[in-house]
Amino acid sequence: MNILPESNPALFAKEIIRASLEYSALPEPPDEEFYRQPSACFVSIKKDGELRGCIGTLEPAEADLGHEIIRNAQSAASGDPRFPAVIADEFDHLQFSVDVLSAPEDVSGPDALDCSHYGVIVSCEYRRGVLLPDLAGVETVENQLDIACQKAGISPSEEFAIQRFTVSRFSEDWKPGDVPGGGACS
């Protein structure tokens, strides 16, 4: 992604959830080229540093990134099956980030991966698992692939296809002119 936003995507995601919890009208995406491009993204929510919700898309599901962020922020807050829905009382303890994904590319094997730089998608028949890059506790490509395979229900003895992608990570403290980070939910 070469276009950078003027408005922070993580703060936009946070405002979506604030409005949802207050039963207010959702904010419209900022009127910027960055938000008008179609792109896949993940929205991660942490509470006091611990994962609280993370939902995303590997391919755009909406017409533009702004509406992709709206969709995934709401899903991360209320539709992540690992967690109960976010409630208003915890909002002040939440931190948001938005990872905007590059298009996935096929790779021939683990040698083409770097767990600090690339996210992975593993697939076998109809099963697919994904893991974002640069996650705490994921130190090796083998560990990254093992976790992605577990998520997909792919056993270690099965053959599977591998794709990689990069992310531009926007945290709440990102400012225009900063370079986005690279990869944080599991």
N, C-alpha and C. Protein backbone atom coordinates (compact mmCIF):
# COMPACT_ATOMS: atom_id res chain seq x y z
N MET A 1 0.85 -1.17 0.00
CA MET A 1 0.00 0.00 0.00
C MET A 1 0.89 1.23 0.00
N ASN A 2 0.76 2.06 -1.01
CA ASN A 2 1.59 3.26 -1.13
C ASN A 2 0.92 4.51 -0.60
N ILE A 3 -0.40 4.50 -0.54
CA ILE A 3 -1.14 5.67 -0.09
C ILE A 3 -1.27 5.59 1.43
N LEU A 4 -0.90 6.67 2.10
CA LEU A 4 -1.05 6.72 3.55
C LEU A 4 -2.18 7.67 3.93
N PRO A 5 -2.83 7.41 5.05
CA PRO A 5 -3.96 8.25 5.45
C PRO A 5 -3.51 9.54 6.12
N GLU A 6 -4.42 10.48 6.15
CA GLU A 6 -4.23 11.69 6.95
C GLU A 6 -4.89 11.50 8.32
N SER A 7 -5.93 10.67 8.37
CA SER A 7 -6.65 10.37 9.60
C SER A 7 -6.29 8.96 10.05
N ASN A 8 -6.05 8.78 11.33
CA ASN A 8 -5.60 7.51 11.88
C ASN A 8 -6.69 6.42 11.79
N PRO A 9 -6.42 5.31 11.07
CA PRO A 9 -7.41 4.23 10.95
C PRO A 9 -7.77 3.58 12.29
N ALA A 10 -6.82 3.47 13.21
CA ALA A 10 -7.11 2.86 14.51
C ALA A 10 -8.08 3.74 15.31
N LEU A 11 -7.89 5.05 15.23
CA LEU A 11 -8.82 5.96 15.93
C LEU A 11 -10.19 5.95 15.27
N PHE A 12 -10.23 5.77 13.95
CA PHE A 12 -11.51 5.62 13.25
C PHE A 12 -12.23 4.37 13.76
N ALA A 13 -11.51 3.24 13.86
CA ALA A 13 -12.11 2.00 14.38
C ALA A 13 -12.62 2.21 15.80
N LYS A 14 -11.86 2.92 16.61
CA LYS A 14 -12.26 3.18 17.99
C LYS A 14 -13.55 4.01 18.03
N GLU A 15 -13.67 5.00 17.16
CA GLU A 15 -14.88 5.83 17.13
C GLU A 15 -16.10 5.03 16.67
N ILE A 16 -15.88 4.05 15.79
CA ILE A 16 -16.98 3.18 15.36
C ILE A 16 -17.54 2.43 16.56
N ILE A 17 -16.65 1.89 17.38
CA ILE A 17 -17.09 1.11 18.53
C ILE A 17 -17.69 2.02 19.60
N ARG A 18 -17.12 3.20 19.79
CA ARG A 18 -17.72 4.15 20.73
C ARG A 18 -19.16 4.46 20.31
N ALA A 19 -19.37 4.75 19.04
CA ALA A 19 -20.71 5.06 18.55
C ALA A 19 -21.64 3.86 18.71
N SER A 20 -21.14 2.67 18.43
CA SER A 20 -21.96 1.46 18.58
C SER A 20 -22.40 1.28 20.03
N LEU A 21 -21.48 1.46 20.95
CA LEU A 21 -21.80 1.28 22.37
C LEU A 21 -22.75 2.35 22.90
N GLU A 22 -22.70 3.53 22.28
CA GLU A 22 -23.58 4.62 22.69
C GLU A 22 -24.88 4.63 21.89
N TYR A 23 -25.07 3.63 21.01
CA TYR A 23 -26.25 3.55 20.15
C TYR A 23 -26.42 4.82 19.31
N SER A 24 -25.27 5.36 18.86
CA SER A 24 -25.26 6.56 18.02
C SER A 24 -25.04 6.15 16.56
N ALA A 25 -25.27 7.10 15.68
CA ALA A 25 -24.98 6.86 14.26
C ALA A 25 -23.49 6.60 14.09
N LEU A 26 -23.16 5.62 13.25
CA LEU A 26 -21.75 5.31 13.01
C LEU A 26 -21.10 6.43 12.19
N PRO A 27 -19.84 6.71 12.47
CA PRO A 27 -19.16 7.73 11.67
C PRO A 27 -18.94 7.24 10.24
N GLU A 28 -18.95 8.15 9.32
CA GLU A 28 -18.61 7.84 7.94
C GLU A 28 -17.08 7.79 7.81
N PRO A 29 -16.56 7.00 6.88
CA PRO A 29 -15.11 7.00 6.68
C PRO A 29 -14.60 8.38 6.30
N PRO A 30 -13.38 8.71 6.71
CA PRO A 30 -12.80 9.98 6.28
C PRO A 30 -12.78 10.09 4.76
N ASP A 31 -12.96 11.29 4.26
CA ASP A 31 -12.98 11.53 2.82
C ASP A 31 -11.54 11.66 2.31
N GLU A 32 -10.86 10.52 2.24
CA GLU A 32 -9.46 10.46 1.81
C GLU A 32 -9.29 9.30 0.83
N GLU A 33 -8.35 9.45 -0.07
CA GLU A 33 -8.08 8.39 -1.04
C GLU A 33 -7.76 7.06 -0.34
N PHE A 34 -7.02 7.10 0.75
CA PHE A 34 -6.66 5.90 1.50
C PHE A 34 -7.89 5.08 1.85
N TYR A 35 -8.94 5.73 2.32
CA TYR A 35 -10.15 5.03 2.77
C TYR A 35 -11.05 4.64 1.60
N ARG A 36 -10.83 5.22 0.42
CA ARG A 36 -11.67 4.91 -0.74
C ARG A 36 -11.17 3.70 -1.53
N GLN A 37 -9.93 3.27 -1.31
CA GLN A 37 -9.39 2.14 -2.06
C GLN A 37 -9.94 0.82 -1.50
N PRO A 38 -10.16 -0.17 -2.35
CA PRO A 38 -10.56 -1.47 -1.81
C PRO A 38 -9.35 -2.16 -1.20
N SER A 39 -9.51 -2.68 -0.02
CA SER A 39 -8.40 -3.38 0.64
C SER A 39 -8.93 -4.23 1.78
N ALA A 40 -8.26 -5.35 2.01
CA ALA A 40 -8.57 -6.21 3.15
C ALA A 40 -7.89 -5.64 4.38
N CYS A 41 -8.46 -5.92 5.54
CA CYS A 41 -7.85 -5.44 6.79
C CYS A 41 -8.28 -6.31 7.96
N PHE A 42 -7.54 -6.20 9.04
CA PHE A 42 -7.90 -6.78 10.32
C PHE A 42 -8.01 -5.64 11.32
N VAL A 43 -8.98 -5.73 12.20
CA VAL A 43 -9.09 -4.80 13.33
C VAL A 43 -8.84 -5.61 14.59
N SER A 44 -7.87 -5.17 15.37
CA SER A 44 -7.53 -5.84 16.63
C SER A 44 -7.90 -4.94 17.79
N ILE A 45 -8.45 -5.55 18.83
CA ILE A 45 -8.79 -4.83 20.05
C ILE A 45 -8.06 -5.53 21.19
N LYS A 46 -7.35 -4.75 21.97
CA LYS A 46 -6.70 -5.28 23.16
C LYS A 46 -7.26 -4.56 24.38
N LYS A 47 -7.30 -5.28 25.48
CA LYS A 47 -7.74 -4.71 26.75
C LYS A 47 -6.58 -4.85 27.72
N ASP A 48 -6.06 -3.72 28.16
CA ASP A 48 -4.91 -3.72 29.06
C ASP A 48 -3.79 -4.61 28.51
N GLY A 49 -3.56 -4.54 27.19
CA GLY A 49 -2.47 -5.25 26.55
C GLY A 49 -2.77 -6.67 26.12
N GLU A 50 -3.92 -7.21 26.50
CA GLU A 50 -4.29 -8.59 26.14
C GLU A 50 -5.33 -8.57 25.03
N LEU A 51 -5.22 -9.53 24.11
CA LEU A 51 -6.17 -9.61 23.01
C LEU A 51 -7.60 -9.68 23.53
N ARG A 52 -8.48 -8.88 22.94
CA ARG A 52 -9.89 -8.82 23.34
C ARG A 52 -10.82 -9.11 22.16
N GLY A 53 -10.27 -9.00 20.95
CA GLY A 53 -11.04 -9.29 19.74
C GLY A 53 -10.19 -8.99 18.52
N CYS A 54 -10.33 -9.80 17.49
CA CYS A 54 -9.58 -9.58 16.25
C CYS A 54 -10.32 -10.28 15.13
N ILE A 55 -10.79 -9.48 14.19
CA ILE A 55 -11.51 -10.01 13.04
C ILE A 55 -11.02 -9.26 11.81
N GLY A 56 -10.90 -9.99 10.71
CA GLY A 56 -10.46 -9.34 9.49
C GLY A 56 -10.85 -10.13 8.26
N THR A 57 -10.42 -9.60 7.15
CA THR A 57 -10.68 -10.19 5.85
C THR A 57 -9.36 -10.36 5.12
N LEU A 58 -9.27 -11.41 4.31
CA LEU A 58 -8.08 -11.66 3.51
C LEU A 58 -8.21 -11.06 2.12
N GLU A 59 -9.44 -10.81 1.74
CA GLU A 59 -9.75 -10.12 0.49
C GLU A 59 -10.84 -9.10 0.82
N PRO A 60 -10.88 -7.99 0.10
CA PRO A 60 -11.91 -6.99 0.43
C PRO A 60 -13.32 -7.58 0.35
N ALA A 61 -14.12 -7.31 1.38
CA ALA A 61 -15.52 -7.73 1.40
C ALA A 61 -16.44 -6.54 1.18
N GLU A 62 -15.90 -5.35 1.28
CA GLU A 62 -16.66 -4.12 1.09
C GLU A 62 -16.09 -3.36 -0.11
N ALA A 63 -16.78 -2.34 -0.56
CA ALA A 63 -16.35 -1.58 -1.74
C ALA A 63 -15.08 -0.77 -1.49
N ASP A 64 -14.85 -0.41 -0.23
CA ASP A 64 -13.68 0.42 0.07
C ASP A 64 -13.16 0.11 1.47
N LEU A 65 -11.94 0.54 1.75
CA LEU A 65 -11.29 0.26 3.02
C LEU A 65 -12.04 0.88 4.20
N GLY A 66 -12.60 2.07 4.02
CA GLY A 66 -13.35 2.70 5.10
C GLY A 66 -14.48 1.82 5.61
N HIS A 67 -15.24 1.25 4.69
CA HIS A 67 -16.35 0.38 5.09
C HIS A 67 -15.84 -1.00 5.53
N GLU A 68 -14.69 -1.41 5.05
CA GLU A 68 -14.05 -2.64 5.53
C GLU A 68 -13.68 -2.49 7.01
N ILE A 69 -13.15 -1.32 7.36
CA ILE A 69 -12.80 -1.06 8.77
C ILE A 69 -14.06 -1.05 9.63
N ILE A 70 -15.14 -0.41 9.15
CA ILE A 70 -16.41 -0.40 9.90
C ILE A 70 -16.87 -1.83 10.16
N ARG A 71 -16.90 -2.63 9.12
CA ARG A 71 -17.35 -4.03 9.21
C ARG A 71 -16.51 -4.81 10.22
N ASN A 72 -15.18 -4.72 10.08
CA ASN A 72 -14.30 -5.54 10.90
C ASN A 72 -14.19 -5.03 12.34
N ALA A 73 -14.31 -3.72 12.54
CA ALA A 73 -14.31 -3.19 13.91
C ALA A 73 -15.54 -3.70 14.66
N GLN A 74 -16.69 -3.64 14.04
CA GLN A 74 -17.90 -4.13 14.69
C GLN A 74 -17.81 -5.63 14.96
N SER A 75 -17.26 -6.37 14.01
CA SER A 75 -17.12 -7.81 14.20
C SER A 75 -16.11 -8.14 15.29
N ALA A 76 -15.01 -7.40 15.35
CA ALA A 76 -14.00 -7.65 16.39
C ALA A 76 -14.58 -7.37 17.78
N ALA A 77 -15.44 -6.37 17.87
CA ALA A 77 -16.01 -5.99 19.17
C ALA A 77 -17.16 -6.89 19.59
N SER A 78 -17.88 -7.47 18.63
CA SER A 78 -19.07 -8.23 19.02
C SER A 78 -19.18 -9.60 18.37
N GLY A 79 -18.28 -9.94 17.46
CA GLY A 79 -18.44 -11.20 16.74
C GLY A 79 -17.27 -12.15 16.80
N ASP A 80 -16.22 -11.84 17.57
CA ASP A 80 -15.10 -12.77 17.69
C ASP A 80 -15.56 -13.90 18.63
N PRO A 81 -15.64 -15.13 18.12
CA PRO A 81 -16.19 -16.21 18.94
C PRO A 81 -15.35 -16.57 20.17
N ARG A 82 -14.14 -16.06 20.25
CA ARG A 82 -13.27 -16.35 21.40
C ARG A 82 -13.61 -15.50 22.62
N PHE A 83 -14.39 -14.43 22.41
CA PHE A 83 -14.62 -13.46 23.48
C PHE A 83 -16.08 -13.03 23.53
N PRO A 84 -16.56 -12.62 24.72
CA PRO A 84 -17.90 -12.01 24.77
C PRO A 84 -17.85 -10.62 24.10
N ALA A 85 -18.99 -10.12 23.74
CA ALA A 85 -19.06 -8.79 23.11
C ALA A 85 -18.51 -7.72 24.05
N VAL A 86 -17.85 -6.74 23.47
CA VAL A 86 -17.34 -5.59 24.23
C VAL A 86 -18.53 -4.85 24.85
N ILE A 87 -18.36 -4.38 26.08
CA ILE A 87 -19.41 -3.60 26.74
C ILE A 87 -18.87 -2.19 27.05
N ALA A 88 -19.78 -1.26 27.25
CA ALA A 88 -19.42 0.14 27.44
C ALA A 88 -18.47 0.34 28.63
N ASP A 89 -18.66 -0.41 29.71
CA ASP A 89 -17.83 -0.23 30.91
C ASP A 89 -16.35 -0.49 30.67
N GLU A 90 -16.01 -1.25 29.65
CA GLU A 90 -14.60 -1.57 29.41
C GLU A 90 -13.97 -0.69 28.32
N PHE A 91 -14.76 0.17 27.68
CA PHE A 91 -14.26 0.92 26.52
C PHE A 91 -12.98 1.70 26.82
N ASP A 92 -12.90 2.35 27.97
CA ASP A 92 -11.72 3.17 28.30
C ASP A 92 -10.45 2.34 28.49
N HIS A 93 -10.58 1.03 28.58
CA HIS A 93 -9.43 0.15 28.75
C HIS A 93 -9.01 -0.52 27.45
N LEU A 94 -9.66 -0.17 26.34
CA LEU A 94 -9.40 -0.82 25.06
C LEU A 94 -8.40 -0.04 24.21
N GLN A 95 -7.57 -0.79 23.50
CA GLN A 95 -6.65 -0.21 22.52
C GLN A 95 -6.96 -0.86 21.16
N PHE A 96 -6.95 -0.06 20.11
CA PHE A 96 -7.31 -0.53 18.78
C PHE A 96 -6.11 -0.43 17.84
N SER A 97 -6.05 -1.36 16.90
CA SER A 97 -5.11 -1.26 15.79
C SER A 97 -5.79 -1.79 14.54
N VAL A 98 -5.34 -1.29 13.40
CA VAL A 98 -5.85 -1.72 12.10
C VAL A 98 -4.65 -2.15 11.27
N ASP A 99 -4.72 -3.38 10.76
CA ASP A 99 -3.70 -3.91 9.85
C ASP A 99 -4.31 -3.95 8.45
N VAL A 100 -3.71 -3.22 7.52
CA VAL A 100 -4.16 -3.23 6.13
C VAL A 100 -3.26 -4.20 5.37
N LEU A 101 -3.87 -5.19 4.73
CA LEU A 101 -3.13 -6.27 4.10
C LEU A 101 -2.80 -6.00 2.65
N SER A 102 -1.62 -6.48 2.25
CA SER A 102 -1.28 -6.53 0.83
C SER A 102 -2.02 -7.72 0.22
N ALA A 103 -2.02 -7.81 -1.09
CA ALA A 103 -2.59 -8.98 -1.75
C ALA A 103 -1.72 -10.19 -1.42
N PRO A 104 -2.32 -11.34 -1.10
CA PRO A 104 -1.52 -12.54 -0.82
C PRO A 104 -0.82 -13.03 -2.07
N GLU A 105 0.36 -13.64 -1.86
CA GLU A 105 1.09 -14.23 -2.98
C GLU A 105 1.50 -15.66 -2.60
N ASP A 106 1.41 -16.55 -3.58
CA ASP A 106 1.80 -17.94 -3.36
C ASP A 106 3.30 -18.03 -3.14
N VAL A 107 3.70 -18.94 -2.24
CA VAL A 107 5.12 -19.22 -2.04
C VAL A 107 5.33 -20.73 -2.12
N SER A 108 6.54 -21.12 -2.46
CA SER A 108 6.83 -22.54 -2.67
C SER A 108 7.09 -23.29 -1.36
N GLY A 109 7.40 -22.56 -0.30
CA GLY A 109 7.67 -23.24 0.96
C GLY A 109 8.11 -22.28 2.03
N PRO A 110 8.44 -22.79 3.21
CA PRO A 110 8.80 -21.97 4.37
C PRO A 110 10.02 -21.08 4.17
N ASP A 111 10.92 -21.45 3.24
CA ASP A 111 12.12 -20.65 3.02
C ASP A 111 11.80 -19.24 2.52
N ALA A 112 10.60 -19.04 1.97
CA ALA A 112 10.21 -17.73 1.44
C ALA A 112 9.50 -16.88 2.51
N LEU A 113 9.50 -17.35 3.75
CA LEU A 113 8.78 -16.65 4.82
C LEU A 113 9.73 -16.03 5.82
N ASP A 114 9.23 -15.06 6.53
CA ASP A 114 9.92 -14.41 7.65
C ASP A 114 8.79 -13.97 8.58
N CYS A 115 8.68 -14.63 9.75
CA CYS A 115 7.51 -14.40 10.62
C CYS A 115 7.43 -12.99 11.17
N SER A 116 8.53 -12.24 11.12
CA SER A 116 8.47 -10.86 11.60
C SER A 116 8.02 -9.90 10.48
N HIS A 117 8.08 -10.35 9.24
CA HIS A 117 7.74 -9.48 8.10
C HIS A 117 6.47 -9.91 7.37
N TYR A 118 6.25 -11.22 7.24
CA TYR A 118 5.12 -11.73 6.46
C TYR A 118 4.09 -12.42 7.34
N GLY A 119 2.83 -12.16 7.05
CA GLY A 119 1.75 -12.98 7.57
C GLY A 119 1.61 -14.18 6.67
N VAL A 120 0.92 -15.23 7.14
CA VAL A 120 0.76 -16.44 6.34
C VAL A 120 -0.70 -16.85 6.26
N ILE A 121 -1.01 -17.46 5.14
CA ILE A 121 -2.29 -18.12 4.93
C ILE A 121 -1.94 -19.55 4.53
N VAL A 122 -2.46 -20.52 5.26
CA VAL A 122 -2.28 -21.92 4.90
C VAL A 122 -3.62 -22.47 4.47
N SER A 123 -3.61 -23.36 3.48
CA SER A 123 -4.87 -23.93 3.02
C SER A 123 -4.67 -25.38 2.58
N CYS A 124 -5.70 -26.15 2.85
CA CYS A 124 -5.75 -27.57 2.47
C CYS A 124 -7.21 -27.87 2.19
N GLU A 125 -7.52 -28.13 0.94
CA GLU A 125 -8.90 -28.33 0.52
C GLU A 125 -9.73 -27.10 0.90
N TYR A 126 -10.75 -27.27 1.69
CA TYR A 126 -11.64 -26.16 2.06
C TYR A 126 -11.20 -25.45 3.34
N ARG A 127 -10.16 -25.93 4.00
CA ARG A 127 -9.72 -25.36 5.28
C ARG A 127 -8.65 -24.31 5.05
N ARG A 128 -8.73 -23.23 5.82
CA ARG A 128 -7.77 -22.14 5.66
C ARG A 128 -7.50 -21.49 7.02
N GLY A 129 -6.25 -21.22 7.29
CA GLY A 129 -5.87 -20.53 8.52
C GLY A 129 -4.95 -19.38 8.21
N VAL A 130 -5.00 -18.35 9.05
CA VAL A 130 -4.21 -17.15 8.82
C VAL A 130 -3.55 -16.73 10.13
N LEU A 131 -2.37 -16.16 10.01
CA LEU A 131 -1.69 -15.57 11.15
C LEU A 131 -0.97 -14.32 10.67
N LEU A 132 -1.23 -13.22 11.37
CA LEU A 132 -0.59 -11.95 11.03
C LEU A 132 0.90 -12.01 11.36
N PRO A 133 1.70 -11.11 10.78
CA PRO A 133 3.13 -11.11 11.08
C PRO A 133 3.46 -10.40 12.39
N ASP A 134 4.67 -10.62 12.85
CA ASP A 134 5.25 -9.87 13.96
C ASP A 134 4.41 -9.94 15.23
N LEU A 135 4.10 -11.18 15.62
CA LEU A 135 3.30 -11.39 16.83
C LEU A 135 4.20 -11.78 18.00
N ALA A 136 3.89 -11.25 19.16
CA ALA A 136 4.62 -11.62 20.37
C ALA A 136 4.52 -13.12 20.58
N GLY A 137 5.64 -13.76 20.87
CA GLY A 137 5.66 -15.20 21.13
C GLY A 137 5.83 -16.06 19.90
N VAL A 138 5.72 -15.49 18.72
CA VAL A 138 5.92 -16.25 17.48
C VAL A 138 7.31 -15.88 16.96
N GLU A 139 8.27 -16.74 17.26
CA GLU A 139 9.68 -16.43 16.99
C GLU A 139 10.23 -17.08 15.73
N THR A 140 9.56 -18.14 15.24
CA THR A 140 10.08 -18.86 14.07
C THR A 140 8.99 -19.06 13.03
N VAL A 141 9.43 -19.28 11.79
CA VAL A 141 8.49 -19.58 10.71
C VAL A 141 7.75 -20.88 11.02
N GLU A 142 8.45 -21.86 11.56
CA GLU A 142 7.81 -23.14 11.88
C GLU A 142 6.69 -22.94 12.90
N ASN A 143 6.94 -22.12 13.91
CA ASN A 143 5.92 -21.82 14.91
C ASN A 143 4.73 -21.10 14.27
N GLN A 144 5.01 -20.15 13.39
CA GLN A 144 3.96 -19.41 12.70
C GLN A 144 3.09 -20.36 11.87
N LEU A 145 3.73 -21.25 11.12
CA LEU A 145 2.99 -22.20 10.30
C LEU A 145 2.19 -23.19 11.16
N ASP A 146 2.78 -23.65 12.26
CA ASP A 146 2.07 -24.56 13.17
C ASP A 146 0.80 -23.93 13.70
N ILE A 147 0.88 -22.67 14.13
CA ILE A 147 -0.29 -21.98 14.68
C ILE A 147 -1.35 -21.79 13.59
N ALA A 148 -0.94 -21.37 12.40
CA ALA A 148 -1.89 -21.17 11.31
C ALA A 148 -2.56 -22.49 10.93
N CYS A 149 -1.79 -23.58 10.91
CA CYS A 149 -2.37 -24.90 10.61
C CYS A 149 -3.34 -25.34 11.69
N GLN A 150 -3.00 -25.11 12.95
CA GLN A 150 -3.92 -25.44 14.05
C GLN A 150 -5.24 -24.71 13.87
N LYS A 151 -5.16 -23.42 13.53
CA LYS A 151 -6.37 -22.62 13.36
C LYS A 151 -7.24 -23.17 12.23
N ALA A 152 -6.58 -23.73 11.20
CA ALA A 152 -7.31 -24.26 10.05
C ALA A 152 -7.76 -25.70 10.24
N GLY A 153 -7.27 -26.36 11.28
CA GLY A 153 -7.58 -27.77 11.47
C GLY A 153 -6.79 -28.67 10.52
N ILE A 154 -5.61 -28.21 10.13
CA ILE A 154 -4.74 -28.98 9.24
C ILE A 154 -3.71 -29.72 10.10
N SER A 155 -3.65 -31.03 9.97
CA SER A 155 -2.71 -31.80 10.79
C SER A 155 -1.30 -31.69 10.20
N PRO A 156 -0.27 -31.89 11.04
CA PRO A 156 1.12 -31.77 10.57
C PRO A 156 1.48 -32.74 9.43
N SER A 157 0.74 -33.83 9.32
CA SER A 157 1.05 -34.80 8.27
C SER A 157 0.45 -34.46 6.91
N GLU A 158 -0.45 -33.50 6.87
CA GLU A 158 -1.11 -33.13 5.61
C GLU A 158 -0.27 -32.13 4.82
N GLU A 159 -0.39 -32.22 3.50
CA GLU A 159 0.23 -31.20 2.65
C GLU A 159 -0.70 -30.00 2.59
N PHE A 160 -0.11 -28.81 2.53
CA PHE A 160 -0.92 -27.60 2.48
C PHE A 160 -0.20 -26.55 1.65
N ALA A 161 -0.99 -25.64 1.09
CA ALA A 161 -0.46 -24.53 0.31
C ALA A 161 -0.16 -23.37 1.25
N ILE A 162 0.81 -22.55 0.88
CA ILE A 162 1.20 -21.40 1.69
C ILE A 162 1.15 -20.14 0.83
N GLN A 163 0.56 -19.11 1.39
CA GLN A 163 0.62 -17.77 0.81
C GLN A 163 1.17 -16.84 1.88
N ARG A 164 1.77 -15.75 1.43
CA ARG A 164 2.27 -14.75 2.36
C ARG A 164 1.71 -13.38 1.98
N PHE A 165 1.72 -12.49 2.96
CA PHE A 165 1.26 -11.12 2.74
C PHE A 165 1.98 -10.22 3.73
N THR A 166 1.98 -8.94 3.44
CA THR A 166 2.51 -7.95 4.38
C THR A 166 1.35 -7.13 4.91
N VAL A 167 1.60 -6.43 6.00
CA VAL A 167 0.59 -5.54 6.56
C VAL A 167 1.20 -4.17 6.83
N SER A 168 0.35 -3.19 6.79
CA SER A 168 0.67 -1.86 7.31
C SER A 168 -0.16 -1.71 8.57
N ARG A 169 0.52 -1.65 9.73
CA ARG A 169 -0.17 -1.63 11.02
C ARG A 169 -0.28 -0.19 11.52
N PHE A 170 -1.51 0.18 11.83
CA PHE A 170 -1.80 1.50 12.37
C PHE A 170 -2.29 1.34 13.80
N SER A 171 -1.53 1.82 14.76
CA SER A 171 -1.94 1.80 16.16
C SER A 171 -2.57 3.16 16.50
N GLU A 172 -3.13 3.26 17.68
CA GLU A 172 -3.77 4.52 18.08
C GLU A 172 -2.80 5.69 18.13
N ASP A 173 -1.53 5.42 18.36
CA ASP A 173 -0.56 6.53 18.45
C ASP A 173 0.10 6.86 17.11
N TRP A 174 -0.32 6.21 16.02
CA TRP A 174 0.21 6.53 14.70
C TRP A 174 -0.19 7.96 14.33
N LYS A 175 0.74 8.68 13.72
CA LYS A 175 0.48 10.06 13.27
C LYS A 175 0.84 10.17 11.79
N PRO A 176 0.14 11.04 11.03
CA PRO A 176 0.53 11.26 9.63
C PRO A 176 2.01 11.60 9.53
N GLY A 177 2.66 11.00 8.57
CA GLY A 177 4.09 11.19 8.41
C GLY A 177 4.88 10.03 9.01
N ASP A 178 4.28 9.30 9.96
CA ASP A 178 4.93 8.10 10.51
C ASP A 178 4.84 6.97 9.50
N VAL A 179 5.78 6.05 9.55
CA VAL A 179 5.70 4.83 8.76
C VAL A 179 4.87 3.84 9.57
N PRO A 180 3.85 3.23 8.95
CA PRO A 180 3.06 2.25 9.71
C PRO A 180 3.93 1.06 10.12
N GLY A 181 3.54 0.42 11.22
CA GLY A 181 4.25 -0.78 11.67
C GLY A 181 3.92 -1.96 10.79
N GLY A 182 4.46 -3.12 11.19
CA GLY A 182 4.28 -4.29 10.34
C GLY A 182 3.53 -5.46 10.88
N GLY A 183 2.79 -5.63 11.75
CA GLY A 183 2.09 -6.86 11.99
C GLY A 183 1.43 -7.06 13.33
N ALA A 184 -1.00 -7.72 14.73
CA ALA A 184 -0.82 -8.23 16.06
C ALA A 184 -2.06 -8.76 16.69
N CYS A 185 -2.55 -9.75 16.17
CA CYS A 185 -3.50 -10.55 16.93
C CYS A 185 -3.28 -11.99 16.51
N SER A 186 -3.81 -12.91 17.26
CA SER A 186 -3.58 -14.30 16.89
C SER A 186 -4.86 -15.01 16.57
